[in-house]
């Protein structure tokens, strides 16, 4: 394809406007300069009327809502049978029809994209999305155990819709569905599926979305490997379940979705639990809880029996009585010990008192002894221990056992006594 260098566009004014024919002719001149091009797209509509020499094809870009009309000789369609949804590569020259003001492609060669080429493109897209991390298992979300509402995107009155609804309701009769019927193959499949997916994703009651379709050829399943659809599924906030075709069918949607179901029937089993299995699980848990509770009660009962069999709990008063008897005996022993100690100390005290009495001055005086004291003029008594302490004329006080007598010293003599005068 060659592109001509642009030339300056003459200036127009309200006073000197271009007629429509001039604008159309200039547009046609620019388009004719484009030359021949190879264009790839998807066939969405074919008009090949018998008896005419020209056939019309609508060619659509699957990744965008853009389409163009292609005209060709009817012989091309006889040599190359086409149907809606077929991917083709067209060699054509853009043409602008001045009379109608329309743009179309005039094709002289049409090639259907083969299965090998389609698979190669899908593989290249798979590697691209994998490198971006869209297939990463860490970004996948687990659907809820029992969703409030299940969104279902599928063909109208299709076997896939029936399989999903029948199997889901057989497992959980009260499950609620919001079904969006769309085209599941052909040119309209991708935009309709994207619109339905966006609508379900905005619904707060929809907690899981199932995209289901029955089996088909590689061309039939191409919409589910479309890059636009795959990126829309990756941006979806609600968990998405892919249920496309049979076990051997693996469109790229299976890698992007949060859960891959091998078939629509499998999807019906994955989105809701089995009420029979859950009831059995509840019964098992109740039995386990009952057994655990009985076991715990039995263990505690045995523990109580063991505690009750201990002497201290079997007859709690006996240890108290034994301790009371021991305390009483200890008190009695203490009392006897104190009384014995008091008796001993009392006897010692009496003995000591008797000794003191025997050795005291009163006992000595009673045996005939006397205590002689000299009384000075100031009245201070002085016990005499020597005759030298009793000069003549000294006044003496003689104390005997029953009283005292007074005497005056008239003389003294050594030996056993002193001579005094009363």
Protein backbone atom coordinates (compact mmCIF):
# COMPACT_ATOMS: atom_id res chain seq x y z
CA UNK A 1 0.00 0.00 0.00
CA UNK A 2 1.33 3.44 -0.98
CA UNK A 3 0.28 6.78 0.39
CA UNK A 4 0.45 9.96 -1.66
CA UNK A 5 1.88 13.07 -0.16
CA UNK A 6 -0.90 15.41 0.87
CA UNK A 7 -1.34 18.63 -1.05
CA UNK A 8 -2.57 21.89 0.40
CA UNK A 9 -6.33 22.09 0.54
CA UNK A 10 -7.78 25.24 -0.99
CA UNK A 11 -9.39 27.47 1.55
CA UNK A 12 -13.15 27.76 1.47
CA UNK A 13 -15.22 30.57 2.87
CA UNK A 14 -18.91 31.20 3.43
CA UNK A 15 -18.80 33.37 0.32
CA UNK A 16 -16.98 30.74 -1.77
CA UNK A 17 -18.14 27.28 -0.53
CA UNK A 18 -17.59 24.00 -2.38
CA UNK A 19 -20.55 22.23 -3.92
CA UNK A 20 -21.31 18.73 -2.66
CA UNK A 21 -20.10 17.25 -5.94
CA UNK A 22 -16.73 18.90 -5.48
CA UNK A 23 -16.31 17.56 -1.95
CA UNK A 24 -17.40 14.10 -3.10
CA UNK A 25 -14.97 14.18 -6.02
CA UNK A 26 -12.07 15.27 -3.83
CA UNK A 27 -12.89 12.50 -1.27
CA UNK A 28 -12.98 10.00 -4.14
CA UNK A 29 -9.61 11.27 -5.39
CA UNK A 30 -8.05 10.84 -1.96
CA UNK A 31 -9.50 7.34 -1.49
CA UNK A 32 -8.41 6.27 -4.98
CA UNK A 33 -4.85 7.23 -4.06
CA UNK A 34 -4.91 4.62 -1.26
CA UNK A 35 -4.40 1.81 -3.71
CA UNK A 36 -4.94 -1.92 -3.16
CA UNK A 37 -5.02 -3.23 0.43
CA UNK A 38 -5.35 -6.57 2.21
CA UNK A 39 -8.16 -6.46 4.77
CA UNK A 40 -9.04 -9.05 7.42
CA UNK A 41 -12.46 -9.36 8.98
CA UNK A 42 -15.46 -11.52 9.76
CA UNK A 43 -18.31 -12.07 7.34
CA UNK A 44 -21.60 -10.94 8.87
CA UNK A 45 -23.92 -10.71 5.86
CA UNK A 46 -23.83 -12.07 2.29
CA UNK A 47 -26.06 -10.85 -0.57
CA UNK A 48 -25.62 -12.93 -3.70
CA UNK A 49 -28.74 -12.73 -5.81
CA UNK A 50 -29.09 -15.06 -8.77
CA UNK A 51 -28.85 -13.37 -12.16
CA UNK A 52 -26.63 -10.54 -10.95
CA UNK A 53 -22.94 -10.11 -11.59
CA UNK A 54 -22.08 -8.42 -8.29
CA UNK A 55 -22.29 -9.83 -4.77
CA UNK A 56 -22.27 -7.78 -1.57
CA UNK A 57 -20.58 -8.82 1.69
CA UNK A 58 -20.57 -7.01 5.03
CA UNK A 59 -17.14 -7.36 6.65
CA UNK A 60 -16.86 -6.68 10.36
CA UNK A 61 -13.91 -6.16 12.70
CA UNK A 62 -14.47 -8.63 15.62
CA UNK A 63 -12.46 -6.45 18.01
CA UNK A 64 -14.46 -3.28 17.36
CA UNK A 65 -17.93 -2.29 16.29
CA UNK A 66 -16.80 -1.31 12.78
CA UNK A 67 -17.98 -2.78 9.48
CA UNK A 68 -17.60 -2.10 5.75
CA UNK A 69 -19.32 -3.24 2.60
CA UNK A 70 -17.34 -5.37 0.15
CA UNK A 71 -18.39 -5.82 -3.47
CA UNK A 72 -17.05 -8.58 -5.64
CA UNK A 73 -17.88 -10.64 -8.67
CA UNK A 74 -20.31 -13.47 -7.98
CA UNK A 75 -17.76 -15.90 -9.36
CA UNK A 76 -15.55 -15.35 -6.34
CA UNK A 77 -18.28 -16.65 -4.06
CA UNK A 78 -18.80 -19.72 -6.22
CA UNK A 79 -15.13 -20.55 -6.00
CA UNK A 80 -14.97 -19.66 -2.30
CA UNK A 81 -18.19 -20.60 -0.39
CA UNK A 82 -18.67 -18.33 2.60
CA UNK A 83 -21.11 -18.17 5.50
CA UNK A 84 -21.79 -15.80 8.37
CA UNK A 85 -18.99 -15.80 10.92
CA UNK A 86 -16.26 -16.90 8.49
CA UNK A 87 -12.94 -15.16 8.92
CA UNK A 88 -11.56 -13.96 5.59
CA UNK A 89 -8.70 -11.98 4.12
CA UNK A 90 -9.76 -9.76 1.21
CA UNK A 91 -7.61 -8.11 -1.44
CA UNK A 92 -9.53 -5.01 -2.48
CA UNK A 93 -9.36 -1.41 -3.58
CA UNK A 94 -11.30 1.21 -1.57
CA UNK A 95 -13.86 2.98 -3.69
CA UNK A 96 -16.02 6.01 -2.98
CA UNK A 97 -19.26 6.18 -4.93
CA UNK A 98 -19.87 9.85 -5.60
CA UNK A 99 -23.53 9.46 -6.47
CA UNK A 100 -24.45 7.77 -3.17
CA UNK A 101 -21.65 9.19 -1.04
CA UNK A 102 -20.74 5.68 0.25
CA UNK A 103 -17.46 3.91 0.78
CA UNK A 104 -16.89 0.26 -0.06
CA UNK A 105 -14.16 -2.17 -0.92
CA UNK A 106 -13.98 -3.64 -4.41
CA UNK A 107 -12.50 -7.13 -3.95
CA UNK A 108 -10.74 -9.18 -6.54
CA UNK A 109 -9.56 -11.96 -4.20
CA UNK A 110 -11.07 -13.51 -1.08
CA UNK A 111 -9.29 -16.06 1.09
CA UNK A 112 -10.89 -17.83 4.01
CA UNK A 113 -8.62 -18.01 7.03
CA UNK A 114 -7.80 -21.67 7.55
CA UNK A 115 -8.02 -23.61 10.80
CA UNK A 116 -4.25 -23.67 11.13
CA UNK A 117 -4.02 -19.90 10.84
CA UNK A 118 -6.85 -19.45 13.34
CA UNK A 119 -5.16 -21.75 15.83
CA UNK A 120 -1.85 -19.95 15.33
CA UNK A 121 -3.51 -16.60 16.05
CA UNK A 122 -5.19 -18.00 19.14
CA UNK A 123 -1.82 -19.33 20.33
CA UNK A 124 -0.17 -15.94 19.82
CA UNK A 125 -2.96 -14.26 21.76
CA UNK A 126 -2.65 -16.87 24.50
CA UNK A 127 1.07 -16.12 24.91
CA UNK A 128 0.39 -12.38 24.95
CA UNK A 129 -2.29 -12.61 27.65
CA UNK A 130 -0.21 -15.07 29.66
CA UNK A 131 2.71 -12.63 29.61
CA UNK A 132 0.40 -9.90 30.92
CA UNK A 133 -0.60 -12.12 33.85
CA UNK A 134 -4.26 -12.45 32.91
CA UNK A 135 -4.04 -16.24 33.27
CA UNK A 136 -2.32 -16.03 36.68
CA UNK A 137 -4.08 -18.40 39.13
CA UNK A 138 -3.50 -15.91 41.97
CA UNK A 139 -5.97 -13.44 40.44
CA UNK A 140 -8.75 -16.01 40.20
CA UNK A 141 -11.57 -15.76 42.75
CA UNK A 142 -13.52 -18.51 44.41
CA UNK A 143 -17.29 -18.37 43.74
CA UNK A 144 -19.51 -18.18 46.83
CA UNK A 145 -20.69 -21.41 48.42
CA UNK A 146 -24.37 -20.61 47.80
CA UNK A 147 -24.82 -17.54 45.56
CA UNK A 148 -27.84 -15.29 45.94
CA UNK A 149 -28.39 -15.20 42.15
CA UNK A 150 -26.52 -16.96 39.34
CA UNK A 151 -26.06 -14.99 36.11
CA UNK A 152 -26.19 -17.11 32.96
CA UNK A 153 -25.02 -15.91 29.53
CA UNK A 154 -26.03 -18.41 26.84
CA UNK A 155 -27.96 -18.91 23.61
CA UNK A 156 -31.72 -18.62 23.57
CA UNK A 157 -33.48 -21.97 24.20
CA UNK A 158 -30.14 -23.74 23.80
CA UNK A 159 -29.17 -27.13 25.13
CA UNK A 160 -26.46 -25.43 27.21
CA UNK A 161 -29.06 -23.26 28.97
CA UNK A 162 -31.19 -26.31 29.70
CA UNK A 163 -28.23 -28.29 31.03
CA UNK A 164 -27.13 -25.53 33.39
CA UNK A 165 -30.61 -24.80 34.75
CA UNK A 166 -31.66 -28.43 35.06
CA UNK A 167 -28.54 -29.63 36.83
CA UNK A 168 -28.31 -26.62 39.14
CA UNK A 169 -31.96 -26.91 40.22
CA UNK A 170 -31.62 -30.66 40.65
CA UNK A 171 -28.80 -29.99 43.15
CA UNK A 172 -30.38 -26.96 44.83
CA UNK A 173 -34.07 -26.44 43.97
CA UNK A 174 -34.23 -22.87 45.32
CA UNK A 175 -31.38 -21.52 43.22
CA UNK A 176 -32.20 -18.28 41.39
CA UNK A 177 -30.99 -17.45 37.89
CA UNK A 178 -30.82 -14.30 35.81
CA UNK A 179 -30.52 -15.49 32.22
CA UNK A 180 -29.16 -13.27 29.44
CA UNK A 181 -29.77 -14.81 26.00
CA UNK A 182 -27.20 -13.79 23.39
CA UNK A 183 -25.74 -14.97 20.12
CA UNK A 184 -23.02 -17.51 20.88
CA UNK A 185 -21.46 -17.63 17.42
CA UNK A 186 -21.11 -15.36 14.46
CA UNK A 187 -20.42 -11.68 14.16
CA UNK A 188 -22.87 -10.53 16.84
CA UNK A 189 -21.68 -12.94 19.53
CA UNK A 190 -18.84 -10.90 21.04
CA UNK A 191 -20.67 -7.55 21.48
CA UNK A 192 -23.80 -9.25 22.83
CA UNK A 193 -21.84 -11.38 25.28
CA UNK A 194 -19.91 -8.31 26.48
CA UNK A 195 -23.13 -6.34 26.98
CA UNK A 196 -24.73 -9.20 28.92
CA UNK A 197 -21.59 -9.68 31.02
CA UNK A 198 -21.45 -5.98 31.92
CA UNK A 199 -25.13 -5.94 32.84
CA UNK A 200 -24.77 -8.96 35.14
CA UNK A 201 -21.58 -7.60 36.70
CA UNK A 202 -23.44 -4.41 37.69
CA UNK A 203 -26.23 -6.38 39.40
CA UNK A 204 -25.41 -6.58 43.15
CA UNK A 205 -27.53 -9.73 43.55
CA UNK A 206 -25.56 -11.68 40.94
CA UNK A 207 -22.66 -13.32 42.77
CA UNK A 208 -21.39 -15.64 40.02
CA UNK A 209 -21.68 -15.52 36.21
CA UNK A 210 -21.73 -18.58 33.95
CA UNK A 211 -20.91 -18.26 30.23
CA UNK A 212 -22.20 -21.44 28.59
CA UNK A 213 -22.31 -22.83 25.08
CA UNK A 214 -22.50 -26.28 23.58
CA UNK A 215 -19.80 -27.86 21.47
CA UNK A 216 -18.89 -26.77 17.94
CA UNK A 217 -16.13 -26.30 15.44
CA UNK A 218 -13.11 -24.08 15.94
CA UNK A 219 -14.82 -21.34 13.91
CA UNK A 220 -17.98 -21.62 16.01
CA UNK A 221 -16.01 -21.18 19.23
CA UNK A 222 -13.90 -18.26 18.00
CA UNK A 223 -15.92 -15.61 19.89
CA UNK A 224 -14.78 -17.19 23.16
CA UNK A 225 -11.14 -16.58 22.20
CA UNK A 226 -11.75 -12.97 21.21
CA UNK A 227 -9.32 -10.57 22.87
CA UNK A 228 -11.95 -7.94 23.62
CA UNK A 229 -14.17 -10.46 25.40
CA UNK A 230 -11.25 -11.95 27.30
CA UNK A 231 -10.13 -8.58 28.63
CA UNK A 232 -13.71 -7.75 29.62
CA UNK A 233 -13.92 -11.02 31.59
CA UNK A 234 -10.58 -10.21 33.27
CA UNK A 235 -11.96 -6.82 34.39
CA UNK A 236 -15.18 -8.36 35.70
CA UNK A 237 -15.62 -7.99 39.48
CA UNK A 238 -17.95 -11.00 39.75
CA UNK A 239 -16.44 -14.51 39.56
CA UNK A 240 -16.92 -15.98 36.08
CA UNK A 241 -17.39 -19.68 35.23
CA UNK A 242 -16.51 -20.78 31.69
CA UNK A 243 -18.59 -23.68 30.33
CA UNK A 244 -17.83 -23.78 26.62
CA UNK A 245 -18.24 -26.90 24.51
CA UNK A 246 -17.02 -30.27 25.63
CA UNK A 247 -14.03 -31.51 27.60
CA UNK A 248 -11.71 -31.32 24.57
CA UNK A 249 -12.76 -27.76 23.68
CA UNK A 250 -10.43 -25.22 25.28
CA UNK A 251 -11.07 -21.64 24.14
CA UNK A 252 -8.98 -18.95 25.80
CA UNK A 253 -11.98 -18.01 27.94
CA UNK A 254 -11.26 -21.17 29.97
CA UNK A 255 -7.88 -19.70 31.00
CA UNK A 256 -9.20 -16.24 31.86
CA UNK A 257 -12.31 -17.31 33.78
CA UNK A 258 -12.09 -17.88 37.53
CA UNK A 259 -13.47 -21.44 37.18
CA UNK A 260 -13.39 -23.73 34.15
CA UNK A 261 -16.25 -26.19 33.79
CA UNK A 262 -15.72 -28.99 31.29
CA UNK A 263 -19.33 -28.79 30.05
CA UNK A 264 -22.49 -26.77 30.76
CA UNK A 265 -23.68 -29.74 32.80
CA UNK A 266 -20.52 -29.50 34.92
CA UNK A 267 -21.13 -25.77 35.35
CA UNK A 268 -24.59 -26.47 36.79
CA UNK A 269 -22.93 -28.71 39.36
CA UNK A 270 -20.20 -26.23 40.25
CA UNK A 271 -22.22 -23.08 40.95
CA UNK A 272 -24.41 -24.54 43.72
CA UNK A 273 -23.92 -27.28 46.32
CA UNK A 274 -25.82 -30.56 46.27
CA UNK A 275 -28.64 -30.38 48.81
CA UNK A 276 -28.51 -34.16 49.33
CA UNK A 277 -24.77 -34.09 50.02
CA UNK A 278 -25.07 -31.07 52.28
CA UNK A 279 -27.92 -32.67 54.25
CA UNK A 280 -25.80 -35.82 54.64
CA UNK A 281 -22.84 -33.68 55.72
CA UNK A 282 -25.03 -31.90 58.28
CA UNK A 283 -26.18 -35.27 59.63
CA UNK A 284 -22.59 -36.47 59.83
CA UNK A 285 -21.54 -33.31 61.65
CA UNK A 286 -24.46 -33.66 64.07
CA UNK A 287 -23.49 -37.29 64.72
CA UNK A 288 -19.88 -36.29 65.26
CA UNK A 289 -20.95 -33.49 67.59
CA UNK A 290 -23.24 -35.88 69.49
CA UNK A 291 -20.47 -38.47 69.84
CA UNK A 292 -17.99 -35.81 70.90
CA UNK A 293 -20.43 -34.45 73.47
CA UNK A 294 -21.20 -37.91 74.86
CA UNK A 295 -17.49 -38.70 75.04
CA UNK A 296 -16.83 -35.46 76.87
CA UNK A 297 -19.68 -36.11 79.33
CA UNK A 298 -18.40 -39.67 79.94
CA UNK A 299 -14.87 -38.41 80.60
CA UNK A 300 -16.10 -35.76 82.99
CA UNK A 301 -18.34 -38.28 84.74
CA UNK A 302 -15.43 -40.69 85.22
CA UNK A 303 -13.35 -37.83 86.54
CA UNK A 304 -16.07 -36.92 89.02
CA UNK A 305 -16.40 -40.56 90.09
CA UNK A 306 -12.64 -40.74 90.64
CA UNK A 307 -12.71 -37.56 92.68
CA UNK A 308 -15.66 -38.76 94.72
CA UNK A 309 -13.90 -42.08 95.43
CA UNK A 310 -11.04 -40.30 97.17
CA UNK A 311 -11.25 -40.53 100.99
CA UNK A 312 -11.24 -36.81 101.44
CA UNK A 313 -14.39 -36.49 99.36
CA UNK A 314 -16.01 -39.83 100.22
CA UNK A 315 -16.01 -38.99 103.99
CA UNK A 316 -14.96 -35.38 104.37
CA UNK A 317 -15.72 -35.28 108.18
CA UNK A 318 -13.27 -38.07 109.13
CA UNK A 319 -10.13 -36.07 108.33
CA UNK A 320 -11.61 -33.14 110.25
CA UNK A 321 -12.35 -35.33 113.22
CA UNK A 322 -8.85 -36.82 113.07
CA UNK A 323 -7.35 -33.36 112.91
CA UNK A 324 -9.62 -32.23 115.77
CA UNK A 325 -8.47 -35.18 117.90
CA UNK A 326 -4.86 -34.40 117.11
CA UNK A 327 -5.40 -30.76 118.04
CA UNK A 328 -7.12 -31.79 121.29
CA UNK A 329 -4.26 -34.16 122.16
CA UNK A 330 -1.69 -31.48 121.39
CA UNK A 331 -3.60 -28.97 123.52
CA UNK A 332 -3.74 -31.48 126.40
CA UNK A 333 -0.05 -32.25 126.03
CA UNK A 334 0.69 -28.55 126.02
CA UNK A 335 -1.47 -28.05 129.09
CA UNK A 336 0.25 -30.93 130.96
CA UNK A 337 3.64 -29.68 129.91
CA UNK A 338 2.84 -26.18 131.16
CA UNK A 339 1.44 -27.52 134.46
CA UNK A 340 4.49 -29.72 134.98
CA UNK A 341 6.78 -26.82 134.19
CA UNK A 342 4.86 -24.60 136.64
CA UNK A 343 5.02 -27.27 139.37
CA UNK A 344 8.73 -27.72 138.90
CA UNK A 345 9.41 -24.02 138.94
CA UNK A 346 7.12 -23.61 141.98
CA UNK A 347 9.04 -26.32 143.86
CA UNK A 348 12.32 -24.70 142.93
CA UNK A 349 11.00 -21.37 144.05
CA UNK A 350 9.81 -22.80 147.38
CA UNK A 351 13.14 -24.53 147.91
CA UNK A 352 14.98 -21.36 147.17
CA UNK A 353 12.65 -19.42 149.52
CA UNK A 354 13.27 -21.96 152.28
CA UNK A 355 16.98 -21.65 151.82
CA UNK A 356 16.72 -17.91 151.86
CA UNK A 357 14.63 -18.10 155.02
CA UNK A 358 17.14 -20.42 156.66
CA UNK A 359 20.03 -18.24 155.71
CA UNK A 360 18.25 -14.97 156.49
CA UNK A 361 18.96 -12.78 159.60
CA UNK A 362 15.59 -13.54 161.26
CA UNK A 363 16.38 -17.25 161.44
CA UNK A 364 19.83 -16.48 162.78
CA UNK A 365 18.37 -14.20 165.44
CA UNK A 366 15.90 -16.91 166.38
CA UNK A 367 18.78 -19.21 167.14
CA UNK A 368 20.12 -16.72 169.80
CA UNK A 369 22.22 -14.38 167.78
CA UNK A 370 21.85 -10.61 167.86
CA UNK A 371 22.74 -7.69 165.59
CA UNK A 372 24.53 -4.81 167.36
CA UNK A 373 24.41 -1.39 165.78
CA UNK A 374 26.06 1.78 166.97
CA UNK A 375 23.83 4.78 166.74
CA UNK A 376 25.70 8.05 166.10
CA UNK A 377 24.42 11.43 167.06
CA UNK A 378 23.02 12.04 163.58
CA UNK A 379 20.89 8.85 163.94
CA UNK A 380 22.75 6.80 161.32
CA UNK A 381 23.01 3.13 162.43
CA UNK A 382 26.28 1.27 161.91
CA UNK A 383 26.53 -2.51 162.28
CA UNK A 384 29.42 -3.39 164.58
CA UNK A 385 31.89 -5.89 163.28
CA UNK A 386 34.69 -5.18 165.70
CA UNK A 387 35.10 -4.03 169.32
CA UNK A 388 37.15 -1.22 167.94
CA UNK A 389 34.01 0.26 166.53
CA UNK A 390 32.39 0.55 170.05
CA UNK A 391 34.28 3.03 172.17
CA UNK A 392 33.26 3.70 175.76
CA UNK A 393 30.08 5.67 176.07
CA UNK A 394 28.83 4.73 172.62
CA UNK A 395 25.17 4.13 172.31
CA UNK A 396 24.30 0.74 170.91
CA UNK A 397 21.14 -0.87 169.57
CA UNK A 398 20.98 -4.58 170.05
CA UNK A 399 18.45 -6.35 167.83
CA UNK A 400 17.27 -9.80 168.91
CA UNK A 401 14.59 -12.09 167.44
CA UNK A 402 11.66 -10.44 169.20
CA UNK A 403 12.79 -6.81 169.36
CA UNK A 404 15.70 -4.53 170.18
CA UNK A 405 17.40 -3.16 173.35
CA UNK A 406 19.61 -0.09 173.82
CA UNK A 407 22.90 -0.11 175.67
CA UNK A 408 25.83 2.14 176.46
CA UNK A 409 29.42 0.90 176.18
CA UNK A 410 31.15 0.99 179.56
CA UNK A 411 34.14 -1.11 178.60
CA UNK A 412 35.36 -3.55 176.07
CA UNK A 413 37.30 -6.79 176.20
CA UNK A 414 38.68 -9.01 173.46
CA UNK A 415 37.75 -12.60 172.99
CA UNK A 416 34.19 -13.79 172.76
CA UNK A 417 32.36 -10.63 173.90
CA UNK A 418 32.30 -7.01 175.07
CA UNK A 419 31.24 -5.64 178.39
CA UNK A 420 28.52 -3.13 178.14
CA UNK A 421 26.15 -1.35 180.49
CA UNK A 422 22.52 -0.97 179.74
